């Protein structure tokens, strides 16, 4: 998606490539939760909302209802973006911006679902454990390499 830049309109082939990328597994990996997004004429700070929910010790029933509401709005916004990406005449820059926004929305929806299900903290803990093990293994490999090199 990095080659989509400029004022030239995207081709049908490029449009199909964008949709193929959107519908692959884990396409949203590496995408950030958008800081600001406009929904129904209101600007929402999604990054802050997700951050606050992630840092809560316990998700209440009211929080779950709010999360469901956010997910509903975000799905609707994602549908609008996908329709625009599918049908509008877009420049490379516009298509890239829309693709990134859509990817960020999908990432946010996934994060909110994990928070609601209570799996977000478990996944974060698992990630840190794996990361720590990999770091230790990498240090050992380096030490072994250095030992053999001398």
N, C-alpha and C. Protein backbone atom coordinates (compact mmCIF):
# COMPACT_ATOMS: atom_id res chain seq x y z
N UNK A 1 0.81 -1.18 0.00
CA UNK A 1 0.00 0.00 0.00
C UNK A 1 0.86 1.26 0.00
N UNK A 2 2.17 1.08 0.14
CA UNK A 2 3.06 2.23 0.20
C UNK A 2 3.21 2.94 -1.13
N UNK A 3 2.92 2.26 -2.25
CA UNK A 3 3.12 2.88 -3.54
C UNK A 3 1.93 3.73 -3.97
N UNK A 4 0.90 3.83 -3.16
CA UNK A 4 -0.26 4.64 -3.47
C UNK A 4 -0.02 6.07 -2.98
N UNK A 5 0.48 6.89 -3.84
CA UNK A 5 0.68 8.29 -3.49
C UNK A 5 0.42 9.13 -4.73
N UNK A 6 0.19 10.38 -4.50
CA UNK A 6 0.07 11.30 -5.61
C UNK A 6 -1.36 11.68 -5.92
N UNK A 7 -1.47 12.47 -6.95
CA UNK A 7 -2.76 13.03 -7.34
C UNK A 7 -3.45 12.21 -8.44
N UNK A 8 -2.77 11.21 -8.98
CA UNK A 8 -3.39 10.38 -10.00
C UNK A 8 -4.45 9.50 -9.35
N UNK A 9 -5.53 9.24 -10.07
CA UNK A 9 -6.58 8.39 -9.54
C UNK A 9 -6.13 6.93 -9.56
N UNK A 10 -6.60 6.20 -8.57
CA UNK A 10 -6.21 4.79 -8.49
C UNK A 10 -6.91 4.00 -9.59
N UNK A 11 -6.24 2.95 -10.01
CA UNK A 11 -6.81 2.08 -11.04
C UNK A 11 -7.72 1.05 -10.38
N UNK A 12 -8.48 0.37 -11.20
CA UNK A 12 -9.35 -0.69 -10.68
C UNK A 12 -8.51 -1.80 -10.05
N UNK A 13 -7.35 -2.07 -10.65
CA UNK A 13 -6.45 -3.09 -10.10
C UNK A 13 -5.95 -2.68 -8.70
N UNK A 14 -5.56 -1.42 -8.55
CA UNK A 14 -5.10 -0.94 -7.24
C UNK A 14 -6.22 -1.00 -6.21
N UNK A 15 -7.44 -0.68 -6.65
CA UNK A 15 -8.60 -0.74 -5.76
C UNK A 15 -8.81 -2.19 -5.28
N UNK A 16 -8.70 -3.14 -6.21
CA UNK A 16 -8.85 -4.56 -5.86
C UNK A 16 -7.75 -5.01 -4.91
N UNK A 17 -6.53 -4.50 -5.11
CA UNK A 17 -5.43 -4.84 -4.21
C UNK A 17 -5.70 -4.33 -2.79
N UNK A 18 -6.26 -3.13 -2.70
CA UNK A 18 -6.60 -2.59 -1.39
C UNK A 18 -7.63 -3.48 -0.68
N UNK A 19 -8.66 -3.89 -1.43
CA UNK A 19 -9.68 -4.74 -0.82
C UNK A 19 -9.13 -6.11 -0.48
N UNK A 20 -8.26 -6.63 -1.29
CA UNK A 20 -7.65 -7.92 -0.98
C UNK A 20 -6.85 -7.80 0.32
N UNK A 21 -6.12 -6.70 0.47
CA UNK A 21 -5.34 -6.48 1.69
C UNK A 21 -6.25 -6.32 2.90
N UNK A 22 -7.37 -5.62 2.73
CA UNK A 22 -8.30 -5.41 3.83
C UNK A 22 -8.92 -6.72 4.33
N UNK A 23 -9.04 -7.67 3.45
CA UNK A 23 -9.73 -8.90 3.81
C UNK A 23 -8.79 -10.07 4.05
N UNK A 24 -7.50 -9.77 4.21
CA UNK A 24 -6.57 -10.81 4.61
C UNK A 24 -6.58 -10.90 6.13
N UNK A 25 -6.11 -12.00 6.60
CA UNK A 25 -6.05 -12.19 8.04
C UNK A 25 -4.99 -11.29 8.65
N UNK A 26 -5.32 -10.66 9.74
CA UNK A 26 -4.38 -9.82 10.50
C UNK A 26 -3.85 -8.62 9.71
N UNK A 27 -4.62 -8.11 8.75
CA UNK A 27 -4.17 -6.95 7.98
C UNK A 27 -3.96 -5.73 8.86
N UNK A 28 -4.64 -5.69 10.01
CA UNK A 28 -4.60 -4.51 10.87
C UNK A 28 -3.39 -4.50 11.80
N UNK A 29 -2.61 -5.59 11.79
CA UNK A 29 -1.43 -5.64 12.66
C UNK A 29 -0.49 -4.49 12.30
N UNK A 30 -0.06 -3.79 13.29
CA UNK A 30 0.83 -2.66 13.06
C UNK A 30 0.09 -1.34 12.90
N UNK A 31 -1.22 -1.42 12.74
CA UNK A 31 -2.01 -0.20 12.64
C UNK A 31 -2.27 0.33 14.04
N UNK A 32 -2.29 1.63 14.15
CA UNK A 32 -2.57 2.25 15.44
C UNK A 32 -4.06 2.53 15.57
N UNK A 33 -4.52 2.55 16.79
CA UNK A 33 -5.87 3.01 17.06
C UNK A 33 -5.87 4.51 16.73
N UNK A 34 -6.82 4.96 15.90
CA UNK A 34 -6.82 6.38 15.52
C UNK A 34 -6.99 7.30 16.73
N UNK A 35 -6.26 8.39 16.72
CA UNK A 35 -6.39 9.35 17.82
C UNK A 35 -7.72 10.08 17.73
N UNK A 36 -8.08 10.53 16.55
CA UNK A 36 -9.34 11.25 16.38
C UNK A 36 -10.05 10.71 15.15
N UNK A 37 -11.35 10.58 15.27
CA UNK A 37 -12.18 10.16 14.15
C UNK A 37 -13.51 10.88 14.28
N UNK A 38 -14.06 11.27 13.15
CA UNK A 38 -15.35 11.96 13.19
C UNK A 38 -16.46 10.96 12.92
N UNK A 39 -17.39 10.90 13.85
CA UNK A 39 -18.54 10.00 13.72
C UNK A 39 -19.79 10.82 14.00
N UNK A 40 -20.70 10.83 13.05
CA UNK A 40 -21.96 11.59 13.18
C UNK A 40 -21.70 13.05 13.53
N UNK A 41 -20.69 13.64 12.92
CA UNK A 41 -20.40 15.05 13.13
C UNK A 41 -19.68 15.37 14.43
N UNK A 42 -19.36 14.32 15.21
CA UNK A 42 -18.65 14.52 16.47
C UNK A 42 -17.27 13.91 16.37
N UNK A 43 -16.29 14.58 16.93
CA UNK A 43 -14.93 14.06 16.95
C UNK A 43 -14.74 13.21 18.20
N UNK A 44 -14.30 11.98 17.99
CA UNK A 44 -14.05 11.05 19.10
C UNK A 44 -12.56 10.78 19.19
N UNK A 45 -12.05 10.78 20.39
CA UNK A 45 -10.65 10.44 20.62
C UNK A 45 -10.59 8.95 20.97
N UNK A 46 -10.55 8.12 19.93
CA UNK A 46 -10.58 6.67 20.13
C UNK A 46 -9.40 6.16 20.93
N UNK A 47 -8.23 6.72 20.66
CA UNK A 47 -7.03 6.27 21.35
C UNK A 47 -7.19 6.43 22.87
N UNK A 48 -7.69 7.57 23.28
CA UNK A 48 -7.89 7.83 24.70
C UNK A 48 -8.96 6.92 25.30
N UNK A 49 -10.04 6.70 24.56
CA UNK A 49 -11.12 5.83 25.03
C UNK A 49 -10.59 4.41 25.27
N UNK A 50 -9.87 3.88 24.28
CA UNK A 50 -9.33 2.52 24.40
C UNK A 50 -8.32 2.46 25.54
N UNK A 51 -7.47 3.46 25.65
CA UNK A 51 -6.45 3.50 26.70
C UNK A 51 -7.10 3.47 28.09
N UNK A 52 -8.12 4.30 28.27
CA UNK A 52 -8.81 4.35 29.57
C UNK A 52 -9.46 3.01 29.90
N UNK A 53 -10.08 2.39 28.91
CA UNK A 53 -10.73 1.09 29.15
C UNK A 53 -9.70 0.00 29.45
N UNK A 54 -8.58 0.04 28.76
CA UNK A 54 -7.53 -0.95 28.99
C UNK A 54 -6.96 -0.84 30.40
N UNK A 55 -6.91 0.36 30.93
CA UNK A 55 -6.30 0.58 32.23
C UNK A 55 -7.27 0.48 33.40
N UNK A 56 -8.53 0.19 33.11
CA UNK A 56 -9.49 -0.02 34.20
C UNK A 56 -9.23 -1.37 34.84
N UNK A 57 -9.34 -1.41 36.14
CA UNK A 57 -9.15 -2.68 36.85
C UNK A 57 -10.28 -3.65 36.56
N UNK A 58 -11.49 -3.11 36.43
CA UNK A 58 -12.65 -3.96 36.18
C UNK A 58 -13.58 -3.26 35.20
N UNK A 59 -14.07 -4.01 34.23
CA UNK A 59 -15.02 -3.47 33.26
C UNK A 59 -16.43 -3.71 33.80
N UNK A 60 -17.17 -2.62 33.97
CA UNK A 60 -18.52 -2.69 34.53
C UNK A 60 -19.54 -2.97 33.43
N UNK A 61 -20.76 -3.22 33.85
CA UNK A 61 -21.86 -3.42 32.90
C UNK A 61 -22.06 -2.16 32.07
N UNK A 62 -21.96 -1.01 32.71
CA UNK A 62 -22.10 0.26 31.99
C UNK A 62 -20.98 0.41 30.95
N UNK A 63 -19.76 0.00 31.32
CA UNK A 63 -18.64 0.04 30.37
C UNK A 63 -18.92 -0.85 29.17
N UNK A 64 -19.45 -2.04 29.44
CA UNK A 64 -19.75 -2.99 28.35
C UNK A 64 -20.80 -2.42 27.39
N UNK A 65 -21.80 -1.75 27.95
CA UNK A 65 -22.82 -1.11 27.11
C UNK A 65 -22.19 -0.01 26.26
N UNK A 66 -21.30 0.77 26.87
CA UNK A 66 -20.62 1.83 26.13
C UNK A 66 -19.72 1.24 25.04
N UNK A 67 -19.03 0.16 25.36
CA UNK A 67 -18.17 -0.51 24.37
C UNK A 67 -19.01 -0.99 23.20
N UNK A 68 -20.17 -1.59 23.49
CA UNK A 68 -21.07 -2.04 22.42
C UNK A 68 -21.49 -0.88 21.53
N UNK A 69 -21.76 0.26 22.16
CA UNK A 69 -22.15 1.46 21.42
C UNK A 69 -21.00 1.93 20.52
N UNK A 70 -19.78 1.96 21.06
CA UNK A 70 -18.61 2.35 20.27
C UNK A 70 -18.42 1.40 19.09
N UNK A 71 -18.52 0.10 19.37
CA UNK A 71 -18.32 -0.89 18.30
C UNK A 71 -19.36 -0.69 17.20
N UNK A 72 -20.59 -0.44 17.58
CA UNK A 72 -21.66 -0.21 16.61
C UNK A 72 -21.35 1.00 15.73
N UNK A 73 -20.95 2.12 16.36
CA UNK A 73 -20.59 3.33 15.61
C UNK A 73 -19.40 3.07 14.69
N UNK A 74 -18.40 2.38 15.21
CA UNK A 74 -17.20 2.13 14.42
C UNK A 74 -17.47 1.21 13.24
N UNK A 75 -18.32 0.23 13.43
CA UNK A 75 -18.69 -0.66 12.32
C UNK A 75 -19.41 0.12 11.24
N UNK A 76 -20.30 1.02 11.65
CA UNK A 76 -21.02 1.85 10.68
C UNK A 76 -20.05 2.75 9.92
N UNK A 77 -19.12 3.36 10.64
CA UNK A 77 -18.11 4.21 9.99
C UNK A 77 -17.25 3.39 9.04
N UNK A 78 -16.89 2.17 9.45
CA UNK A 78 -16.08 1.30 8.60
C UNK A 78 -16.83 0.94 7.32
N UNK A 79 -18.14 0.70 7.44
CA UNK A 79 -18.95 0.41 6.25
C UNK A 79 -18.95 1.60 5.29
N UNK A 80 -19.10 2.80 5.85
CA UNK A 80 -19.08 4.01 5.03
C UNK A 80 -17.74 4.16 4.31
N UNK A 81 -16.65 3.95 5.06
CA UNK A 81 -15.31 4.06 4.46
C UNK A 81 -15.10 3.01 3.38
N UNK A 82 -15.56 1.80 3.65
CA UNK A 82 -15.39 0.72 2.68
C UNK A 82 -16.18 1.01 1.41
N UNK A 83 -17.39 1.53 1.56
CA UNK A 83 -18.20 1.90 0.40
C UNK A 83 -17.51 3.00 -0.40
N UNK A 84 -16.97 3.98 0.30
CA UNK A 84 -16.26 5.07 -0.38
C UNK A 84 -15.03 4.53 -1.12
N UNK A 85 -14.30 3.65 -0.48
CA UNK A 85 -13.12 3.06 -1.09
C UNK A 85 -13.50 2.21 -2.30
N UNK A 86 -14.65 1.57 -2.23
CA UNK A 86 -15.10 0.69 -3.30
C UNK A 86 -15.65 1.46 -4.51
N UNK A 87 -16.28 2.62 -4.26
CA UNK A 87 -17.05 3.25 -5.33
C UNK A 87 -16.55 4.62 -5.79
N UNK A 88 -15.88 5.35 -4.94
CA UNK A 88 -15.50 6.73 -5.29
C UNK A 88 -14.25 6.78 -6.16
N UNK A 89 -14.16 7.84 -6.91
CA UNK A 89 -12.96 8.11 -7.70
C UNK A 89 -11.96 8.77 -6.76
N UNK A 90 -10.88 8.05 -6.45
CA UNK A 90 -9.93 8.51 -5.42
C UNK A 90 -8.53 8.64 -5.99
N UNK A 91 -7.80 9.62 -5.47
CA UNK A 91 -6.38 9.70 -5.79
C UNK A 91 -5.65 8.68 -4.93
N UNK A 92 -4.40 8.44 -5.24
CA UNK A 92 -3.60 7.53 -4.44
C UNK A 92 -3.53 7.96 -2.99
N UNK A 93 -3.35 9.26 -2.77
CA UNK A 93 -3.28 9.79 -1.40
C UNK A 93 -4.59 9.58 -0.65
N UNK A 94 -5.69 9.85 -1.32
CA UNK A 94 -7.00 9.67 -0.70
C UNK A 94 -7.26 8.20 -0.38
N UNK A 95 -6.92 7.32 -1.31
CA UNK A 95 -7.12 5.89 -1.10
C UNK A 95 -6.28 5.38 0.06
N UNK A 96 -5.04 5.85 0.14
CA UNK A 96 -4.14 5.44 1.23
C UNK A 96 -4.67 5.92 2.57
N UNK A 97 -5.12 7.18 2.62
CA UNK A 97 -5.68 7.73 3.85
C UNK A 97 -6.91 6.94 4.28
N UNK A 98 -7.78 6.63 3.33
CA UNK A 98 -8.99 5.88 3.63
C UNK A 98 -8.67 4.46 4.08
N UNK A 99 -7.72 3.82 3.41
CA UNK A 99 -7.29 2.47 3.79
C UNK A 99 -6.73 2.47 5.21
N UNK A 100 -5.89 3.44 5.52
CA UNK A 100 -5.30 3.53 6.86
C UNK A 100 -6.37 3.77 7.92
N UNK A 101 -7.32 4.65 7.60
CA UNK A 101 -8.41 4.92 8.54
C UNK A 101 -9.23 3.66 8.77
N UNK A 102 -9.55 2.96 7.71
CA UNK A 102 -10.33 1.73 7.81
C UNK A 102 -9.58 0.66 8.60
N UNK A 103 -8.30 0.54 8.36
CA UNK A 103 -7.49 -0.42 9.11
C UNK A 103 -7.46 -0.06 10.59
N UNK A 104 -7.33 1.22 10.89
CA UNK A 104 -7.34 1.68 12.28
C UNK A 104 -8.68 1.43 12.95
N UNK A 105 -9.77 1.61 12.21
CA UNK A 105 -11.10 1.33 12.76
C UNK A 105 -11.24 -0.15 13.09
N UNK A 106 -10.78 -0.99 12.17
CA UNK A 106 -10.86 -2.43 12.40
C UNK A 106 -10.02 -2.84 13.61
N UNK A 107 -8.84 -2.24 13.72
CA UNK A 107 -7.98 -2.50 14.88
C UNK A 107 -8.68 -2.10 16.17
N UNK A 108 -9.34 -0.94 16.16
CA UNK A 108 -10.03 -0.45 17.34
C UNK A 108 -11.19 -1.37 17.71
N UNK A 109 -11.94 -1.82 16.72
CA UNK A 109 -13.04 -2.75 16.97
C UNK A 109 -12.51 -4.03 17.62
N UNK A 110 -11.42 -4.56 17.10
CA UNK A 110 -10.83 -5.78 17.67
C UNK A 110 -10.39 -5.52 19.11
N UNK A 111 -9.73 -4.40 19.35
CA UNK A 111 -9.29 -4.07 20.71
C UNK A 111 -10.47 -3.95 21.67
N UNK A 112 -11.53 -3.26 21.23
CA UNK A 112 -12.70 -3.08 22.10
C UNK A 112 -13.37 -4.42 22.41
N UNK A 113 -13.43 -5.29 21.42
CA UNK A 113 -14.01 -6.62 21.66
C UNK A 113 -13.18 -7.40 22.69
N UNK A 114 -11.87 -7.30 22.58
CA UNK A 114 -11.00 -7.99 23.54
C UNK A 114 -11.15 -7.40 24.94
N UNK A 115 -11.31 -6.10 25.04
CA UNK A 115 -11.51 -5.47 26.34
C UNK A 115 -12.84 -5.95 26.93
N UNK A 116 -13.87 -5.95 26.10
CA UNK A 116 -15.19 -6.37 26.57
C UNK A 116 -15.20 -7.82 27.02
N UNK A 117 -14.49 -8.67 26.28
CA UNK A 117 -14.44 -10.09 26.61
C UNK A 117 -13.50 -10.39 27.77
N UNK A 118 -12.68 -9.40 28.11
CA UNK A 118 -11.74 -9.60 29.21
C UNK A 118 -10.46 -10.30 28.79
N UNK A 119 -10.24 -10.44 27.49
CA UNK A 119 -9.04 -11.13 27.03
C UNK A 119 -7.87 -10.19 26.76
N UNK A 120 -8.11 -8.89 26.76
CA UNK A 120 -7.05 -7.93 26.43
C UNK A 120 -5.89 -8.01 27.41
N UNK A 121 -6.19 -8.03 28.70
CA UNK A 121 -5.12 -8.08 29.71
C UNK A 121 -4.37 -9.40 29.65
N UNK A 122 -5.10 -10.49 29.40
CA UNK A 122 -4.45 -11.80 29.28
C UNK A 122 -3.48 -11.81 28.08
N UNK A 123 -3.93 -11.26 26.96
CA UNK A 123 -3.09 -11.22 25.77
C UNK A 123 -1.87 -10.34 25.99
N UNK A 124 -2.06 -9.21 26.69
CA UNK A 124 -0.93 -8.32 26.99
C UNK A 124 0.09 -9.05 27.86
N UNK A 125 -0.38 -9.75 28.88
CA UNK A 125 0.52 -10.51 29.76
C UNK A 125 1.26 -11.58 28.97
N UNK A 126 0.52 -12.31 28.13
CA UNK A 126 1.13 -13.36 27.30
C UNK A 126 2.19 -12.77 26.36
N UNK A 127 1.87 -11.61 25.76
CA UNK A 127 2.83 -10.94 24.88
C UNK A 127 4.12 -10.62 25.62
N UNK A 128 4.01 -10.05 26.82
CA UNK A 128 5.19 -9.68 27.59
C UNK A 128 6.01 -10.91 28.00
N UNK A 129 5.33 -11.99 28.32
CA UNK A 129 6.04 -13.23 28.65
C UNK A 129 6.81 -13.76 27.45
N UNK A 130 6.16 -13.80 26.31
CA UNK A 130 6.83 -14.27 25.08
C UNK A 130 7.98 -13.35 24.73
N UNK A 131 7.76 -12.04 24.82
CA UNK A 131 8.79 -11.07 24.49
C UNK A 131 10.01 -11.26 25.40
N UNK A 132 9.76 -11.46 26.69
CA UNK A 132 10.86 -11.66 27.63
C UNK A 132 11.64 -12.92 27.31
N UNK A 133 10.94 -14.01 27.02
CA UNK A 133 11.61 -15.27 26.67
C UNK A 133 12.45 -15.10 25.41
N UNK A 134 11.90 -14.41 24.42
CA UNK A 134 12.62 -14.20 23.17
C UNK A 134 13.86 -13.34 23.38
N UNK A 135 13.74 -12.34 24.24
CA UNK A 135 14.90 -11.49 24.55
C UNK A 135 16.01 -12.28 25.21
N UNK A 136 15.64 -13.13 26.15
CA UNK A 136 16.63 -13.97 26.83
C UNK A 136 17.29 -14.91 25.82
N UNK A 137 16.49 -15.52 24.95
CA UNK A 137 17.03 -16.43 23.94
C UNK A 137 17.97 -15.68 22.99
N UNK A 138 17.60 -14.46 22.62
CA UNK A 138 18.45 -13.67 21.72
C UNK A 138 19.77 -13.32 22.39
N UNK A 139 19.75 -12.95 23.64
CA UNK A 139 20.99 -12.65 24.39
C UNK A 139 21.87 -13.89 24.45
N UNK A 140 21.26 -15.03 24.71
CA UNK A 140 22.04 -16.28 24.75
C UNK A 140 22.68 -16.58 23.41
N UNK A 141 21.93 -16.36 22.33
CA UNK A 141 22.49 -16.60 20.98
C UNK A 141 23.68 -15.66 20.73
N UNK A 142 23.55 -14.40 21.12
CA UNK A 142 24.64 -13.44 20.95
C UNK A 142 25.86 -13.85 21.77
N UNK A 143 25.62 -14.24 23.00
CA UNK A 143 26.74 -14.66 23.85
C UNK A 143 27.44 -15.88 23.25
N UNK A 144 26.66 -16.82 22.75
CA UNK A 144 27.23 -18.01 22.11
C UNK A 144 28.02 -17.62 20.87
N UNK A 145 27.48 -16.71 20.08
CA UNK A 145 28.15 -16.23 18.89
C UNK A 145 29.49 -15.56 19.27
N UNK A 146 29.44 -14.70 20.28
CA UNK A 146 30.66 -14.00 20.71
C UNK A 146 31.70 -14.98 21.25
N UNK A 147 31.22 -15.97 21.96
CA UNK A 147 32.12 -16.99 22.51
C UNK A 147 32.83 -17.74 21.37
N UNK A 148 32.11 -18.07 20.32
CA UNK A 148 32.67 -18.81 19.19
C UNK A 148 33.58 -17.92 18.34
N UNK A 149 33.32 -16.63 18.34
CA UNK A 149 34.09 -15.70 17.51
C UNK A 149 35.46 -15.39 18.09
N UNK A 150 35.64 -15.59 19.36
CA UNK A 150 36.92 -15.23 19.97
C UNK A 150 37.85 -16.41 20.08
